[in-house]
């Protein structure tokens, strides 16, 4: 009857000493640091000629986080976005006509 619900996650991290953030949509209810790290590895090195940067498909979370740290991705924090408001769509109960 209804389609699969999509969840949004904000990933805050440091990439080569530069703070960054990225928003990911997923059908999963939660996202671990390892899943976020794998996504960030693909984001920053997906087009790299050397496939040695990417961890193996069955790599455990610790190995993925270790590989991310090697290329400069550290301090990964994942936050599920519960409510997202587009600019100008915030409820107007505080606004005067």
C-alpha atoms as a PDB file:
ATOM      1  CA  UNK A   1       0.000   0.000   0.000  1.00  0.00           C
ATOM      2  CA  UNK A   2       2.694   2.481   0.997  1.00  0.00           C
ATOM      3  CA  UNK A   3       6.235   2.620  -0.385  1.00  0.00           C
ATOM      4  CA  UNK A   4       9.261   2.008   1.732  1.00  0.00           C
ATOM      5  CA  UNK A   5      10.014   4.877   4.036  1.00  0.00           C
ATOM      6  CA  UNK A   6      13.243   6.729   3.597  1.00  0.00           C
ATOM      7  CA  UNK A   7      15.362   7.890   6.517  1.00  0.00           C
ATOM      8  CA  UNK A   8      17.870  10.728   6.369  1.00  0.00           C
ATOM      9  CA  UNK A   9      21.148  10.750   8.233  1.00  0.00           C
ATOM     10  CA  UNK A  10      23.612  13.571   8.650  1.00  0.00           C
ATOM     11  CA  UNK A  11      27.246  12.503   8.799  1.00  0.00           C
ATOM     12  CA  UNK A  12      29.685  14.956  10.352  1.00  0.00           C
ATOM     13  CA  UNK A  13      33.361  14.108   9.943  1.00  0.00           C
ATOM     14  CA  UNK A  14      36.870  15.429   9.432  1.00  0.00           C
ATOM     15  CA  UNK A  15      38.438  14.899   5.991  1.00  0.00           C
ATOM     16  CA  UNK A  16      42.132  15.731   5.887  1.00  0.00           C
ATOM     17  CA  UNK A  17      41.823  18.241   8.754  1.00  0.00           C
ATOM     18  CA  UNK A  18      38.757  19.899   7.198  1.00  0.00           C
ATOM     19  CA  UNK A  19      35.377  19.561   8.969  1.00  0.00           C
ATOM     20  CA  UNK A  20      32.639  18.412   6.592  1.00  0.00           C
ATOM     21  CA  UNK A  21      29.112  17.032   6.588  1.00  0.00           C
ATOM     22  CA  UNK A  22      27.078  14.918   4.217  1.00  0.00           C
ATOM     23  CA  UNK A  23      23.404  13.892   4.197  1.00  0.00           C
ATOM     24  CA  UNK A  24      22.459  10.353   3.162  1.00  0.00           C
ATOM     25  CA  UNK A  25      19.052   8.840   2.496  1.00  0.00           C
ATOM     26  CA  UNK A  26      18.641   5.196   3.392  1.00  0.00           C
ATOM     27  CA  UNK A  27      15.870   2.654   3.746  1.00  0.00           C
ATOM     28  CA  UNK A  28      17.570   1.322   6.894  1.00  0.00           C
ATOM     29  CA  UNK A  29      16.266   2.448  10.278  1.00  0.00           C
ATOM     30  CA  UNK A  30      19.769   3.175  11.588  1.00  0.00           C
ATOM     31  CA  UNK A  31      23.285   3.765  10.317  1.00  0.00           C
ATOM     32  CA  UNK A  32      26.488   2.683  12.026  1.00  0.00           C
ATOM     33  CA  UNK A  33      29.828   4.486  11.896  1.00  0.00           C
ATOM     34  CA  UNK A  34      31.153   1.688   9.682  1.00  0.00           C
ATOM     35  CA  UNK A  35      28.343   2.112   7.153  1.00  0.00           C
ATOM     36  CA  UNK A  36      28.911   5.855   7.138  1.00  0.00           C
ATOM     37  CA  UNK A  37      32.664   5.348   6.706  1.00  0.00           C
ATOM     38  CA  UNK A  38      32.107   3.019   3.733  1.00  0.00           C
ATOM     39  CA  UNK A  39      29.858   5.624   2.111  1.00  0.00           C
ATOM     40  CA  UNK A  40      32.425   8.374   2.729  1.00  0.00           C
ATOM     41  CA  UNK A  41      35.212   6.216   1.271  1.00  0.00           C
ATOM     42  CA  UNK A  42      33.128   5.761  -1.864  1.00  0.00           C
ATOM     43  CA  UNK A  43      32.325   9.481  -1.941  1.00  0.00           C
ATOM     44  CA  UNK A  44      35.926  10.665  -1.651  1.00  0.00           C
ATOM     45  CA  UNK A  45      37.690   7.834  -3.516  1.00  0.00           C
ATOM     46  CA  UNK A  46      35.046   6.241  -5.714  1.00  0.00           C
ATOM     47  CA  UNK A  47      36.814   7.340  -8.861  1.00  0.00           C
ATOM     48  CA  UNK A  48      40.327   6.555  -7.644  1.00  0.00           C
ATOM     49  CA  UNK A  49      42.361   4.401  -9.992  1.00  0.00           C
ATOM     50  CA  UNK A  50      43.796   2.419  -7.101  1.00  0.00           C
ATOM     51  CA  UNK A  51      41.146   0.068  -5.702  1.00  0.00           C
ATOM     52  CA  UNK A  52      43.369  -0.703  -2.711  1.00  0.00           C
ATOM     53  CA  UNK A  53      41.798   2.289  -0.952  1.00  0.00           C
ATOM     54  CA  UNK A  54      38.414   0.551  -0.751  1.00  0.00           C
ATOM     55  CA  UNK A  55      37.957  -2.176   1.888  1.00  0.00           C
ATOM     56  CA  UNK A  56      36.825  -5.637   0.829  1.00  0.00           C
ATOM     57  CA  UNK A  57      33.072  -6.220   0.502  1.00  0.00           C
ATOM     58  CA  UNK A  58      32.939  -8.398   3.625  1.00  0.00           C
ATOM     59  CA  UNK A  59      35.207  -6.213   5.774  1.00  0.00           C
ATOM     60  CA  UNK A  60      34.135  -5.692   9.367  1.00  0.00           C
ATOM     61  CA  UNK A  61      33.379  -2.270  10.793  1.00  0.00           C
ATOM     62  CA  UNK A  62      36.768  -1.882  12.501  1.00  0.00           C
ATOM     63  CA  UNK A  63      38.619  -2.557   9.229  1.00  0.00           C
ATOM     64  CA  UNK A  64      36.465  -0.009   7.362  1.00  0.00           C
ATOM     65  CA  UNK A  65      37.071   2.659  10.015  1.00  0.00           C
ATOM     66  CA  UNK A  66      40.799   1.898   9.933  1.00  0.00           C
ATOM     67  CA  UNK A  67      40.875   2.285   6.136  1.00  0.00           C
ATOM     68  CA  UNK A  68      38.940   5.559   6.366  1.00  0.00           C
ATOM     69  CA  UNK A  69      41.485   6.901   8.844  1.00  0.00           C
ATOM     70  CA  UNK A  70      44.340   6.009   6.466  1.00  0.00           C
ATOM     71  CA  UNK A  71      42.978   8.403   3.822  1.00  0.00           C
ATOM     72  CA  UNK A  72      42.133  11.124   6.347  1.00  0.00           C
ATOM     73  CA  UNK A  73      38.487  10.503   7.308  1.00  0.00           C
ATOM     74  CA  UNK A  74      38.167  10.716  11.101  1.00  0.00           C
ATOM     75  CA  UNK A  75      35.748  11.702  13.870  1.00  0.00           C
ATOM     76  CA  UNK A  76      32.681  10.269  12.115  1.00  0.00           C
ATOM     77  CA  UNK A  77      29.391  11.116  13.822  1.00  0.00           C
ATOM     78  CA  UNK A  78      26.037   9.944  12.486  1.00  0.00           C
ATOM     79  CA  UNK A  79      22.789  11.688  13.407  1.00  0.00           C
ATOM     80  CA  UNK A  80      19.365  10.599  12.240  1.00  0.00           C
ATOM     81  CA  UNK A  81      17.370  13.565  10.987  1.00  0.00           C
ATOM     82  CA  UNK A  82      13.929  13.226  12.514  1.00  0.00           C
ATOM     83  CA  UNK A  83      12.333  16.419  11.245  1.00  0.00           C
ATOM     84  CA  UNK A  84      13.558  18.312   8.280  1.00  0.00           C
ATOM     85  CA  UNK A  85      12.145  21.683   7.388  1.00  0.00           C
ATOM     86  CA  UNK A  86      12.836  23.450   4.157  1.00  0.00           C
ATOM     87  CA  UNK A  87      13.605  27.158   4.537  1.00  0.00           C
ATOM     88  CA  UNK A  88      10.380  29.094   4.897  1.00  0.00           C
ATOM     89  CA  UNK A  89       8.245  26.084   5.915  1.00  0.00           C
ATOM     90  CA  UNK A  90       8.747  26.298   9.672  1.00  0.00           C
ATOM     91  CA  UNK A  91       5.398  26.325  11.500  1.00  0.00           C
ATOM     92  CA  UNK A  92       4.216  29.901  11.774  1.00  0.00           C
ATOM     93  CA  UNK A  93       2.622  29.943  15.224  1.00  0.00           C
ATOM     94  CA  UNK A  94       5.074  32.638  16.271  1.00  0.00           C
ATOM     95  CA  UNK A  95       4.506  34.852  13.225  1.00  0.00           C
ATOM     96  CA  UNK A  96       2.186  37.824  13.069  1.00  0.00           C
ATOM     97  CA  UNK A  97      -0.039  38.368   9.997  1.00  0.00           C
END
